[in-house]
Amino acid sequence: MSTRQAPPDSHLAQDGPSTESVLEMLRTPWNEVYALSQDGNSYIRPQCLRDTPVAKLTENSPYWRSTWHSLDEYLAQEEEEERLKKETGERLKLDPTNKSVAAAHKLHQDNVSKHRRIRDIFGPNTRYHPNQLVAKHHLPDDGLCQKEIMYRLACKISDLRVLHEKNELAMDPFDFMRWRISKKILSFIPFPGSSARDNIRTIVYKICEDCGSNPNMKQYEDVLLRSAILRSAGYQNRIASFTTKVDKAKPKASNSGNAHPRPRVASGGRPRVGSFSNVASNTSSRPTLPPPRVDKHRPQPSAYMGINAWREQRRREAEKNKESNQDSKEKKAEK
């Protein structure tokens, strides 16, 4: 018997934005936010994207700055990370208790996962470039082509893509993300012509976060955007991966094991079966429960209690034999 998927809006906070306000934001049409130059080659609106080229940025473009980190160079490292992941995995099989090898394998596993997600959104077959998130006037000197910030962006754009495929999001997911970030930038620049280059990274990291009551971080939040991301997570059955400051203090629900991890991207660049395009068709089937996880920090019963007892028994037998041999020698000497 199939299980009913919980409505995605059932995960919205009681004091958060209403479902209707979230859907209204998602329905915002592109031409209400964006406008192009007369030749159609650059943006003139929103203001935070002004003069940014419409076509995907390349490192040969006149718009490119030589101080920016290279997206192409980062993407080219994926093959080496795949090799290192495989190599450390094989070494770990030979020496499973080696902590340094385990740590290295985990690092390269994570790097490969991030490479695949970043390539899925910013790779050569896509229309997006991180340094076109906002106009270069608002970019830091080295741009936005660093692993962690690209991964953060790629994950959020992937979540928005789910809403786009369900016809809830009217805009292209990247354009929608740029719009929300542009709106947030306006709250950080005191007058026209100011730059948000000192804030843009933190905006990207925190815009979808629940920053609790911290006023320094609260200013980076976009509660409507976060609610949209939570809605997408509800469709993907990943809501358990989103925790708030309040949620962390609550006991975990007994069915939390039903949560799905973020769909992984295959090494060939296509989403794995069950992700994005197939997410709607798969939500009606009951997920296979993962094996129970072992708490590594919880004291475990010793696996060597039997061996230790056996060794102790052997030691006692050896002592008895030694005593017996000594008695025999003494008796022979008396004779």
C-alpha atoms as a PDB file:
ATOM      1  CA  MET A   1       0.000   0.000   0.000  1.00  0.00           C
ATOM      2  CA  SER A   2       1.431   3.379  -0.986  1.00  0.00           C
ATOM      3  CA  THR A   3       1.908   6.169   1.549  1.00  0.00           C
ATOM      4  CA  ARG A   4       0.540   9.647   1.083  1.00  0.00           C
ATOM      5  CA  GLN A   5       3.134  12.360   0.798  1.00  0.00           C
ATOM      6  CA  ALA A   6       2.781  15.081   3.405  1.00  0.00           C
ATOM      7  CA  PRO A   7       1.775  18.456   1.911  1.00  0.00           C
ATOM      8  CA  PRO A   8       4.962  20.501   1.429  1.00  0.00           C
ATOM      9  CA  ASP A   9       3.467  23.472   3.245  1.00  0.00           C
ATOM     10  CA  SER A  10       2.875  21.375   6.389  1.00  0.00           C
ATOM     11  CA  HIS A  11       6.531  21.969   7.290  1.00  0.00           C
ATOM     12  CA  LEU A  12       6.246  25.769   7.377  1.00  0.00           C
ATOM     13  CA  ALA A  13       6.753  27.340  10.783  1.00  0.00           C
ATOM     14  CA  GLN A  14       3.560  28.417  12.556  1.00  0.00           C
ATOM     15  CA  ASP A  15       4.848  31.990  12.822  1.00  0.00           C
ATOM     16  CA  GLY A  16       6.381  31.982   9.332  1.00  0.00           C
ATOM     17  CA  PRO A  17       4.943  33.241   6.042  1.00  0.00           C
ATOM     18  CA  SER A  18       1.688  31.795   4.791  1.00  0.00           C
ATOM     19  CA  THR A  19       1.550  29.243   2.003  1.00  0.00           C
ATOM     20  CA  GLU A  20      -0.268  31.741  -0.205  1.00  0.00           C
ATOM     21  CA  SER A  21       2.457  34.376   0.252  1.00  0.00           C
ATOM     22  CA  VAL A  22       5.122  31.809  -0.683  1.00  0.00           C
ATOM     23  CA  LEU A  23       3.191  30.688  -3.768  1.00  0.00           C
ATOM     24  CA  GLU A  24       2.577  34.301  -4.769  1.00  0.00           C
ATOM     25  CA  MET A  25       6.330  34.954  -4.642  1.00  0.00           C
ATOM     26  CA  LEU A  26       7.018  31.819  -6.698  1.00  0.00           C
ATOM     27  CA  ARG A  27       4.513  32.949  -9.332  1.00  0.00           C
ATOM     28  CA  THR A  28       6.319  36.261  -9.913  1.00  0.00           C
ATOM     29  CA  PRO A  29       6.881  36.529 -13.691  1.00  0.00           C
ATOM     30  CA  TRP A  30      10.345  37.133 -15.145  1.00  0.00           C
ATOM     31  CA  ASN A  31       9.401  40.363 -16.943  1.00  0.00           C
ATOM     32  CA  GLU A  32       8.175  41.891 -13.698  1.00  0.00           C
ATOM     33  CA  VAL A  33      11.727  41.748 -12.345  1.00  0.00           C
ATOM     34  CA  TYR A  34      14.070  41.698 -15.343  1.00  0.00           C
ATOM     35  CA  ALA A  35      14.705  44.013 -18.270  1.00  0.00           C
ATOM     36  CA  LEU A  36      17.386  43.776 -20.962  1.00  0.00           C
ATOM     37  CA  SER A  37      19.364  46.357 -22.890  1.00  0.00           C
ATOM     38  CA  GLN A  38      18.123  47.399 -26.318  1.00  0.00           C
ATOM     39  CA  ASP A  39      20.395  44.866 -28.048  1.00  0.00           C
ATOM     40  CA  GLY A  40      19.353  42.127 -25.594  1.00  0.00           C
ATOM     41  CA  ASN A  41      22.957  41.398 -24.582  1.00  0.00           C
ATOM     42  CA  SER A  42      22.984  42.665 -20.985  1.00  0.00           C
ATOM     43  CA  TYR A  43      20.698  43.309 -18.035  1.00  0.00           C
ATOM     44  CA  ILE A  44      19.509  46.754 -17.050  1.00  0.00           C
ATOM     45  CA  ARG A  45      17.184  45.502 -14.313  1.00  0.00           C
ATOM     46  CA  PRO A  46      17.386  44.539 -11.484  1.00  0.00           C
ATOM     47  CA  GLN A  47      19.886  47.233 -10.589  1.00  0.00           C
ATOM     48  CA  CYS A  48      22.218  44.750  -8.847  1.00  0.00           C
ATOM     49  CA  LEU A  49      22.658  42.941 -12.204  1.00  0.00           C
ATOM     50  CA  ARG A  50      23.070  46.026 -14.377  1.00  0.00           C
ATOM     51  CA  ASP A  51      25.507  45.560 -17.315  1.00  0.00           C
ATOM     52  CA  THR A  52      25.947  41.838 -16.573  1.00  0.00           C
ATOM     53  CA  PRO A  53      25.992  39.865 -19.860  1.00  0.00           C
ATOM     54  CA  VAL A  54      23.008  37.645 -20.630  1.00  0.00           C
ATOM     55  CA  ALA A  55      25.082  34.982 -22.409  1.00  0.00           C
ATOM     56  CA  LYS A  56      27.038  32.620 -20.164  1.00  0.00           C
ATOM     57  CA  LEU A  57      30.302  34.185 -19.059  1.00  0.00           C
ATOM     58  CA  THR A  58      33.598  32.809 -20.384  1.00  0.00           C
ATOM     59  CA  GLU A  59      37.146  33.617 -19.379  1.00  0.00           C
ATOM     60  CA  ASN A  60      37.724  35.153 -22.813  1.00  0.00           C
ATOM     61  CA  SER A  61      34.870  37.606 -22.337  1.00  0.00           C
ATOM     62  CA  PRO A  62      35.681  41.345 -22.059  1.00  0.00           C
ATOM     63  CA  TYR A  63      33.578  41.268 -18.876  1.00  0.00           C
ATOM     64  CA  TRP A  64      35.960  38.784 -17.209  1.00  0.00           C
ATOM     65  CA  ARG A  65      38.348  40.028 -14.516  1.00  0.00           C
ATOM     66  CA  SER A  66      41.807  38.496 -14.312  1.00  0.00           C
ATOM     67  CA  THR A  67      41.656  38.369 -10.487  1.00  0.00           C
ATOM     68  CA  TRP A  68      38.658  36.022 -10.485  1.00  0.00           C
ATOM     69  CA  HIS A  69      39.161  32.345  -9.708  1.00  0.00           C
ATOM     70  CA  SER A  70      38.628  30.093 -12.709  1.00  0.00           C
ATOM     71  CA  LEU A  71      35.482  27.963 -12.907  1.00  0.00           C
ATOM     72  CA  ASP A  72      37.078  25.878 -15.673  1.00  0.00           C
ATOM     73  CA  GLU A  73      40.117  25.089 -13.517  1.00  0.00           C
ATOM     74  CA  TYR A  74      37.903  24.012 -10.637  1.00  0.00           C
ATOM     75  CA  LEU A  75      35.764  21.731 -12.819  1.00  0.00           C
ATOM     76  CA  ALA A  76      38.922  20.171 -14.290  1.00  0.00           C
ATOM     77  CA  GLN A  77      39.885  18.878 -10.812  1.00  0.00           C
ATOM     78  CA  GLU A  78      36.934  16.478 -10.668  1.00  0.00           C
ATOM     79  CA  GLU A  79      38.721  13.616 -12.429  1.00  0.00           C
ATOM     80  CA  GLU A  80      41.609  13.768  -9.947  1.00  0.00           C
ATOM     81  CA  GLU A  81      39.168  13.807  -7.013  1.00  0.00           C
ATOM     82  CA  GLU A  82      37.431  10.733  -8.456  1.00  0.00           C
ATOM     83  CA  ARG A  83      40.808   8.984  -8.683  1.00  0.00           C
ATOM     84  CA  LEU A  84      41.730   9.910  -5.101  1.00  0.00           C
ATOM     85  CA  LYS A  85      38.334   8.770  -3.834  1.00  0.00           C
ATOM     86  CA  LYS A  86      38.824   5.382  -5.484  1.00  0.00           C
ATOM     87  CA  GLU A  87      42.432   5.076  -4.310  1.00  0.00           C
ATOM     88  CA  THR A  88      41.683   5.931  -0.669  1.00  0.00           C
ATOM     89  CA  GLY A  89      38.652   3.617  -0.767  1.00  0.00           C
ATOM     90  CA  GLU A  90      40.848   0.711  -1.828  1.00  0.00           C
ATOM     91  CA  ARG A  91      43.417   1.550   0.859  1.00  0.00           C
ATOM     92  CA  LEU A  92      40.656   1.701   3.466  1.00  0.00           C
ATOM     93  CA  LYS A  93      39.481  -1.795   2.529  1.00  0.00           C
ATOM     94  CA  LEU A  94      42.992  -3.092   3.195  1.00  0.00           C
ATOM     95  CA  ASP A  95      43.337  -1.187   6.466  1.00  0.00           C
ATOM     96  CA  PRO A  96      39.821  -0.358   7.769  1.00  0.00           C
ATOM     97  CA  THR A  97      41.021   0.857  11.184  1.00  0.00           C
ATOM     98  CA  ASN A  98      43.412   3.458   9.766  1.00  0.00           C
ATOM     99  CA  LYS A  99      41.900   6.787  10.839  1.00  0.00           C
ATOM    100  CA  SER A 100      44.019   8.975   8.561  1.00  0.00           C
ATOM    101  CA  VAL A 101      43.062   6.918   5.491  1.00  0.00           C
ATOM    102  CA  ALA A 102      39.393   7.007   6.562  1.00  0.00           C
ATOM    103  CA  ALA A 103      39.560  10.798   6.925  1.00  0.00           C
ATOM    104  CA  ALA A 104      41.211  11.165   3.513  1.00  0.00           C
ATOM    105  CA  HIS A 105      38.583   8.932   1.914  1.00  0.00           C
ATOM    106  CA  LYS A 106      35.759  10.948   3.521  1.00  0.00           C
ATOM    107  CA  LEU A 107      37.332  14.188   2.268  1.00  0.00           C
ATOM    108  CA  HIS A 108      37.568  12.969  -1.332  1.00  0.00           C
ATOM    109  CA  GLN A 109      34.069  11.463  -1.143  1.00  0.00           C
ATOM    110  CA  ASP A 110      32.713  14.857  -0.101  1.00  0.00           C
ATOM    111  CA  ASN A 111      34.754  16.654  -2.755  1.00  0.00           C
ATOM    112  CA  VAL A 112      33.440  14.358  -5.494  1.00  0.00           C
ATOM    113  CA  SER A 113      29.843  14.899  -4.346  1.00  0.00           C
ATOM    114  CA  LYS A 114      30.348  18.659  -4.396  1.00  0.00           C
ATOM    115  CA  HIS A 115      32.045  18.540  -7.800  1.00  0.00           C
ATOM    116  CA  ARG A 116      29.102  16.633  -9.265  1.00  0.00           C
ATOM    117  CA  ARG A 117      26.524  19.017  -7.839  1.00  0.00           C
ATOM    118  CA  ILE A 118      28.473  22.088  -8.987  1.00  0.00           C
ATOM    119  CA  ARG A 119      28.941  20.640 -12.483  1.00  0.00           C
ATOM    120  CA  ASP A 120      25.239  19.827 -12.625  1.00  0.00           C
ATOM    121  CA  ILE A 121      24.415  23.531 -12.168  1.00  0.00           C
ATOM    122  CA  PHE A 122      27.486  25.419 -13.431  1.00  0.00           C
ATOM    123  CA  GLY A 123      29.107  22.887 -15.791  1.00  0.00           C
ATOM    124  CA  PRO A 124      29.874  23.440 -19.497  1.00  0.00           C
ATOM    125  CA  ASN A 125      26.428  22.196 -20.588  1.00  0.00           C
ATOM    126  CA  THR A 126      24.547  24.744 -18.455  1.00  0.00           C
ATOM    127  CA  ARG A 127      23.656  28.407 -18.921  1.00  0.00           C
ATOM    128  CA  TYR A 128      24.805  29.548 -15.476  1.00  0.00           C
ATOM    129  CA  HIS A 129      28.053  31.027 -14.130  1.00  0.00           C
ATOM    130  CA  PRO A 130      28.604  31.934 -10.440  1.00  0.00           C
ATOM    131  CA  ASN A 131      30.076  35.327 -11.349  1.00  0.00           C
ATOM    132  CA  GLN A 132      26.793  36.269 -13.035  1.00  0.00           C
ATOM    133  CA  LEU A 133      24.888  35.953  -9.778  1.00  0.00           C
ATOM    134  CA  VAL A 134      25.189  39.739  -9.370  1.00  0.00           C
ATOM    135  CA  ALA A 135      26.967  42.499 -11.284  1.00  0.00           C
ATOM    136  CA  LYS A 136      30.750  42.470 -10.908  1.00  0.00           C
ATOM    137  CA  HIS A 137      30.459  45.765  -9.016  1.00  0.00           C
ATOM    138  CA  HIS A 138      29.166  43.654  -6.105  1.00  0.00           C
ATOM    139  CA  LEU A 139      31.626  40.744  -6.444  1.00  0.00           C
ATOM    140  CA  PRO A 140      34.738  40.246  -4.289  1.00  0.00           C
ATOM    141  CA  ASP A 141      38.108  40.565  -6.019  1.00  0.00           C
ATOM    142  CA  ASP A 142      38.442  36.788  -6.482  1.00  0.00           C
ATOM    143  CA  GLY A 143      34.837  36.282  -7.647  1.00  0.00           C
ATOM    144  CA  LEU A 144      32.523  33.497  -6.480  1.00  0.00           C
ATOM    145  CA  CYS A 145      34.130  30.422  -8.078  1.00  0.00           C
ATOM    146  CA  GLN A 146      35.144  28.791  -4.796  1.00  0.00           C
ATOM    147  CA  LYS A 147      33.992  25.283  -3.927  1.00  0.00           C
ATOM    148  CA  GLU A 148      31.879  25.925  -0.830  1.00  0.00           C
ATOM    149  CA  ILE A 149      29.992  28.951  -2.100  1.00  0.00           C
ATOM    150  CA  MET A 150      29.366  27.319  -5.503  1.00  0.00           C
ATOM    151  CA  TYR A 151      28.120  24.189  -3.752  1.00  0.00           C
ATOM    152  CA  ARG A 152      25.783  26.223  -1.534  1.00  0.00           C
ATOM    153  CA  LEU A 153      24.368  28.006  -4.586  1.00  0.00           C
ATOM    154  CA  ALA A 154      24.088  24.790  -6.591  1.00  0.00           C
ATOM    155  CA  CYS A 155      22.096  23.045  -3.840  1.00  0.00           C
ATOM    156  CA  LYS A 156      19.609  25.902  -3.556  1.00  0.00           C
ATOM    157  CA  ILE A 157      19.186  26.160  -7.344  1.00  0.00           C
ATOM    158  CA  SER A 158      18.599  22.390  -7.465  1.00  0.00           C
ATOM    159  CA  ASP A 159      15.877  22.763  -4.832  1.00  0.00           C
ATOM    160  CA  LEU A 160      14.266  25.577  -6.814  1.00  0.00           C
ATOM    161  CA  ARG A 161      14.405  23.420  -9.928  1.00  0.00           C
ATOM    162  CA  VAL A 162      12.047  20.957  -8.223  1.00  0.00           C
ATOM    163  CA  LEU A 163       9.487  23.747  -7.775  1.00  0.00           C
ATOM    164  CA  HIS A 164      10.006  24.835 -11.388  1.00  0.00           C
ATOM    165  CA  GLU A 165       9.357  21.289 -12.624  1.00  0.00           C
ATOM    166  CA  LYS A 166       6.149  21.215 -10.568  1.00  0.00           C
ATOM    167  CA  ASN A 167       5.034  24.460 -12.271  1.00  0.00           C
ATOM    168  CA  GLU A 168       5.010  26.357  -8.980  1.00  0.00           C
ATOM    169  CA  LEU A 169       8.048  28.489  -9.819  1.00  0.00           C
ATOM    170  CA  ALA A 170       7.438  30.719 -12.833  1.00  0.00           C
ATOM    171  CA  MET A 171      11.000  31.949 -13.335  1.00  0.00           C
ATOM    172  CA  ASP A 172      14.115  30.043 -14.259  1.00  0.00           C
ATOM    173  CA  PRO A 173      15.606  28.830 -10.919  1.00  0.00           C
ATOM    174  CA  PHE A 174      18.887  30.753 -11.338  1.00  0.00           C
ATOM    175  CA  ASP A 175      17.040  33.951 -12.274  1.00  0.00           C
ATOM    176  CA  PHE A 176      14.804  33.516  -9.244  1.00  0.00           C
ATOM    177  CA  MET A 177      17.810  33.105  -6.941  1.00  0.00           C
ATOM    178  CA  ARG A 178      19.449  36.198  -8.462  1.00  0.00           C
ATOM    179  CA  TRP A 179      16.295  38.202  -7.880  1.00  0.00           C
ATOM    180  CA  ARG A 180      16.065  37.269  -4.196  1.00  0.00           C
ATOM    181  CA  ILE A 181      19.763  38.002  -3.650  1.00  0.00           C
ATOM    182  CA  SER A 182      19.424  41.344  -5.464  1.00  0.00           C
ATOM    183  CA  LYS A 183      16.563  42.303  -3.138  1.00  0.00           C
ATOM    184  CA  LYS A 184      18.678  41.395  -0.126  1.00  0.00           C
ATOM    185  CA  ILE A 185      21.659  43.408  -1.405  1.00  0.00           C
ATOM    186  CA  LEU A 186      19.537  46.564  -1.482  1.00  0.00           C
ATOM    187  CA  SER A 187      19.194  46.387   2.300  1.00  0.00           C
ATOM    188  CA  PHE A 188      22.993  46.454   2.678  1.00  0.00           C
ATOM    189  CA  ILE A 189      23.950  49.337   0.397  1.00  0.00           C
ATOM    190  CA  PRO A 190      23.354  52.787   1.929  1.00  0.00           C
ATOM    191  CA  PHE A 191      23.091  54.667  -1.361  1.00  0.00           C
ATOM    192  CA  PRO A 192      23.120  54.004  -5.142  1.00  0.00           C
ATOM    193  CA  GLY A 193      26.592  53.126  -6.364  1.00  0.00           C
ATOM    194  CA  SER A 194      27.604  51.400  -3.119  1.00  0.00           C
ATOM    195  CA  SER A 195      29.018  47.893  -3.369  1.00  0.00           C
ATOM    196  CA  ALA A 196      27.938  44.763  -1.506  1.00  0.00           C
ATOM    197  CA  ARG A 197      31.218  42.941  -2.204  1.00  0.00           C
ATOM    198  CA  ASP A 198      31.919  42.656   1.533  1.00  0.00           C
ATOM    199  CA  ASN A 199      28.498  41.095   2.178  1.00  0.00           C
ATOM    200  CA  ILE A 200      27.754  38.962  -0.865  1.00  0.00           C
ATOM    201  CA  ARG A 201      29.335  35.733   0.405  1.00  0.00           C
ATOM    202  CA  THR A 202      27.528  35.938   3.741  1.00  0.00           C
ATOM    203  CA  ILE A 203      24.271  36.697   1.922  1.00  0.00           C
ATOM    204  CA  VAL A 204      24.683  33.533  -0.168  1.00  0.00           C
ATOM    205  CA  TYR A 205      25.504  31.441   2.904  1.00  0.00           C
ATOM    206  CA  LYS A 206      22.766  32.805   5.177  1.00  0.00           C
ATOM    207  CA  ILE A 207      19.873  33.855   2.933  1.00  0.00           C
ATOM    208  CA  CYS A 208      18.092  30.490   3.322  1.00  0.00           C
ATOM    209  CA  GLU A 209      19.163  29.854   6.921  1.00  0.00           C
ATOM    210  CA  ASP A 210      17.202  30.160  10.125  1.00  0.00           C
ATOM    211  CA  CYS A 211      19.547  32.396  12.109  1.00  0.00           C
ATOM    212  CA  GLY A 212      17.445  32.378  15.262  1.00  0.00           C
ATOM    213  CA  SER A 213      17.410  35.635  17.208  1.00  0.00           C
ATOM    214  CA  ASN A 214      20.953  36.719  16.332  1.00  0.00           C
ATOM    215  CA  PRO A 215      20.439  40.272  14.986  1.00  0.00           C
ATOM    216  CA  ASN A 216      23.775  40.262  13.160  1.00  0.00           C
ATOM    217  CA  MET A 217      22.784  37.190  11.135  1.00  0.00           C
ATOM    218  CA  LYS A 218      19.019  37.786  11.038  1.00  0.00           C
ATOM    219  CA  GLN A 219      19.507  40.630   8.573  1.00  0.00           C
ATOM    220  CA  TYR A 220      20.759  38.142   5.959  1.00  0.00           C
ATOM    221  CA  GLU A 221      17.633  35.950   6.057  1.00  0.00           C
ATOM    222  CA  ASP A 222      14.960  35.807   3.368  1.00  0.00           C
ATOM    223  CA  VAL A 223      12.104  34.020   5.140  1.00  0.00           C
ATOM    224  CA  LEU A 224      10.034  33.671   1.962  1.00  0.00           C
ATOM    225  CA  LEU A 225      12.916  32.083   0.078  1.00  0.00           C
ATOM    226  CA  ARG A 226      13.648  29.740   2.984  1.00  0.00           C
ATOM    227  CA  SER A 227       9.984  28.712   3.033  1.00  0.00           C
ATOM    228  CA  ALA A 228      10.175  27.954  -0.697  1.00  0.00           C
ATOM    229  CA  ILE A 229      13.271  25.798  -0.127  1.00  0.00           C
ATOM    230  CA  LEU A 230      11.470  23.982   2.701  1.00  0.00           C
ATOM    231  CA  ARG A 231       8.541  23.426   0.362  1.00  0.00           C
ATOM    232  CA  SER A 232      10.895  21.838  -2.172  1.00  0.00           C
ATOM    233  CA  ALA A 233      12.467  19.715   0.581  1.00  0.00           C
ATOM    234  CA  GLY A 234       8.973  18.527   1.514  1.00  0.00           C
ATOM    235  CA  TYR A 235       8.409  17.307  -2.038  1.00  0.00           C
ATOM    236  CA  GLN A 236      11.759  15.478  -1.901  1.00  0.00           C
ATOM    237  CA  ASN A 237      11.110  14.027   1.587  1.00  0.00           C
ATOM    238  CA  ARG A 238      14.259  15.781   2.844  1.00  0.00           C
ATOM    239  CA  ILE A 239      12.670  18.024   5.433  1.00  0.00           C
ATOM    240  CA  ALA A 240      14.633  16.374   8.266  1.00  0.00           C
ATOM    241  CA  SER A 241      17.855  17.802   6.816  1.00  0.00           C
ATOM    242  CA  PHE A 242      16.617  21.312   7.657  1.00  0.00           C
ATOM    243  CA  THR A 243      16.853  22.174  11.340  1.00  0.00           C
ATOM    244  CA  THR A 244      16.076  25.442  13.049  1.00  0.00           C
ATOM    245  CA  LYS A 245      17.468  26.791  16.292  1.00  0.00           C
ATOM    246  CA  VAL A 246      14.233  25.630  17.990  1.00  0.00           C
ATOM    247  CA  ASP A 247      14.148  22.250  16.237  1.00  0.00           C
ATOM    248  CA  LYS A 248      17.588  21.325  17.586  1.00  0.00           C
ATOM    249  CA  ALA A 249      16.209  21.429  21.138  1.00  0.00           C
ATOM    250  CA  LYS A 250      13.231  19.203  20.301  1.00  0.00           C
ATOM    251  CA  PRO A 251      13.294  15.390  20.549  1.00  0.00           C
ATOM    252  CA  LYS A 252      13.532  13.756  17.134  1.00  0.00           C
ATOM    253  CA  ALA A 253      10.391  12.208  15.708  1.00  0.00           C
ATOM    254  CA  SER A 254      10.231   8.430  15.624  1.00  0.00           C
ATOM    255  CA  ASN A 255       9.795   8.408  11.834  1.00  0.00           C
ATOM    256  CA  SER A 256      12.780  10.644  11.143  1.00  0.00           C
ATOM    257  CA  GLY A 257      14.516   7.691   9.493  1.00  0.00           C
ATOM    258  CA  ASN A 258      12.170   8.123   6.512  1.00  0.00           C
ATOM    259  CA  ALA A 259      13.959  11.296   5.430  1.00  0.00           C
ATOM    260  CA  HIS A 260      15.797  11.127   2.142  1.00  0.00           C
ATOM    261  CA  PRO A 261      19.261  12.610   1.557  1.00  0.00           C
ATOM    262  CA  ARG A 262      19.682  15.132  -1.234  1.00  0.00           C
ATOM    263  CA  PRO A 263      19.528  13.301  -4.589  1.00  0.00           C
ATOM    264  CA  ARG A 264      23.057  12.660  -5.797  1.00  0.00           C
ATOM    265  CA  VAL A 265      24.313  13.508  -9.251  1.00  0.00           C
ATOM    266  CA  ALA A 266      25.947  10.696 -11.194  1.00  0.00           C
ATOM    267  CA  SER A 267      29.516  10.999 -12.438  1.00  0.00           C
ATOM    268  CA  GLY A 268      28.234  11.396 -15.985  1.00  0.00           C
ATOM    269  CA  GLY A 269      26.464  14.636 -15.076  1.00  0.00           C
ATOM    270  CA  ARG A 270      22.871  13.341 -15.231  1.00  0.00           C
ATOM    271  CA  PRO A 271      20.695  13.194 -12.112  1.00  0.00           C
ATOM    272  CA  ARG A 272      20.429   9.710 -10.665  1.00  0.00           C
ATOM    273  CA  VAL A 273      17.163   7.819 -11.015  1.00  0.00           C
ATOM    274  CA  GLY A 274      14.788   9.175  -8.413  1.00  0.00           C
ATOM    275  CA  SER A 275      16.073  12.751  -8.432  1.00  0.00           C
ATOM    276  CA  PHE A 276      14.587  15.945  -9.913  1.00  0.00           C
ATOM    277  CA  SER A 277      12.721  14.857 -13.071  1.00  0.00           C
ATOM    278  CA  ASN A 278      11.504  11.646 -11.461  1.00  0.00           C
ATOM    279  CA  VAL A 279      10.821  13.045  -8.013  1.00  0.00           C
ATOM    280  CA  ALA A 280       7.061  13.353  -8.578  1.00  0.00           C
ATOM    281  CA  SER A 281       6.638   9.776  -9.758  1.00  0.00           C
ATOM    282  CA  ASN A 282       8.620   8.351  -6.855  1.00  0.00           C
ATOM    283  CA  THR A 283       7.005  10.140  -3.942  1.00  0.00           C
ATOM    284  CA  SER A 284       4.033   7.746  -3.747  1.00  0.00           C
ATOM    285  CA  SER A 285       6.138   4.679  -3.013  1.00  0.00           C
ATOM    286  CA  ARG A 286       7.357   3.900   0.466  1.00  0.00           C
ATOM    287  CA  PRO A 287      11.116   4.529   0.769  1.00  0.00           C
ATOM    288  CA  THR A 288      13.376   1.684   1.776  1.00  0.00           C
ATOM    289  CA  LEU A 289      14.489   2.250   5.331  1.00  0.00           C
ATOM    290  CA  PRO A 290      18.246   2.501   5.790  1.00  0.00           C
ATOM    291  CA  PRO A 291      20.002   0.158   8.204  1.00  0.00           C
ATOM    292  CA  PRO A 292      20.132   1.474  11.768  1.00  0.00           C
ATOM    293  CA  ARG A 293      23.064   3.777  12.382  1.00  0.00           C
ATOM    294  CA  VAL A 294      25.545   3.081  15.129  1.00  0.00           C
ATOM    295  CA  ASP A 295      26.338   5.924  17.490  1.00  0.00           C
ATOM    296  CA  LYS A 296      30.127   5.982  17.440  1.00  0.00           C
ATOM    297  CA  HIS A 297      30.255   8.107  20.601  1.00  0.00           C
ATOM    298  CA  ARG A 298      28.128   5.712  22.620  1.00  0.00           C
ATOM    299  CA  PRO A 299      30.043   3.082  24.615  1.00  0.00           C
ATOM    300  CA  GLN A 300      29.741  -0.248  22.835  1.00  0.00           C
ATOM    301  CA  PRO A 301      30.062  -3.706  24.459  1.00  0.00           C
ATOM    302  CA  SER A 302      33.531  -5.069  23.993  1.00  0.00           C
ATOM    303  CA  ALA A 303      33.945  -7.402  21.037  1.00  0.00           C
ATOM    304  CA  TYR A 304      36.945  -8.995  22.724  1.00  0.00           C
ATOM    305  CA  MET A 305      35.451 -10.210  26.020  1.00  0.00           C
ATOM    306  CA  GLY A 306      35.474 -13.859  24.861  1.00  0.00           C
ATOM    307  CA  ILE A 307      39.038 -13.618  23.594  1.00  0.00           C
ATOM    308  CA  ASN A 308      40.221 -12.051  26.852  1.00  0.00           C
ATOM    309  CA  ALA A 309      38.579 -14.827  28.869  1.00  0.00           C
ATOM    310  CA  TRP A 310      40.174 -17.434  26.618  1.00  0.00           C
ATOM    311  CA  ARG A 311      43.594 -15.833  27.096  1.00  0.00           C
ATOM    312  CA  GLU A 312      43.105 -15.752  30.863  1.00  0.00           C
ATOM    313  CA  GLN A 313      42.135 -19.430  30.811  1.00  0.00           C
ATOM    314  CA  ARG A 314      45.241 -20.288  28.771  1.00  0.00           C
ATOM    315  CA  ARG A 315      47.413 -18.318  31.213  1.00  0.00           C
ATOM    316  CA  ARG A 316      45.994 -20.211  34.195  1.00  0.00           C
ATOM    317  CA  GLU A 317      46.442 -23.562  32.461  1.00  0.00           C
ATOM    318  CA  ALA A 318      50.051 -22.663  31.707  1.00  0.00           C
ATOM    319  CA  GLU A 319      50.649 -21.782  35.359  1.00  0.00           C
ATOM    320  CA  LYS A 320      49.081 -25.075  36.478  1.00  0.00           C
ATOM    321  CA  ASN A 321      51.230 -27.016  34.012  1.00  0.00           C
ATOM    322  CA  LYS A 322      54.284 -25.157  35.230  1.00  0.00           C
ATOM    323  CA  GLU A 323      53.444 -26.002  38.859  1.00  0.00           C
ATOM    324  CA  SER A 324      52.746 -29.631  37.927  1.00  0.00           C
ATOM    325  CA  ASN A 325      56.066 -29.912  36.111  1.00  0.00           C
ATOM    326  CA  GLN A 326      57.846 -28.351  39.069  1.00  0.00           C
ATOM    327  CA  ASP A 327      56.221 -30.886  41.467  1.00  0.00           C
ATOM    328  CA  SER A 328      57.265 -33.773  39.225  1.00  0.00           C
ATOM    329  CA  LYS A 329      60.856 -32.566  39.173  1.00  0.00           C
ATOM    330  CA  GLU A 330      60.916 -32.229  42.964  1.00  0.00           C
ATOM    331  CA  LYS A 331      59.512 -35.771  43.452  1.00  0.00           C
ATOM    332  CA  LYS A 332      62.104 -37.209  41.086  1.00  0.00           C
ATOM    333  CA  ALA A 333      64.850 -35.401  42.984  1.00  0.00           C
ATOM    334  CA  GLU A 334      63.635 -36.888  46.296  1.00  0.00           C
ATOM    335  CA  LYS A 335      63.792 -40.405  44.859  1.00  0.00           C
END
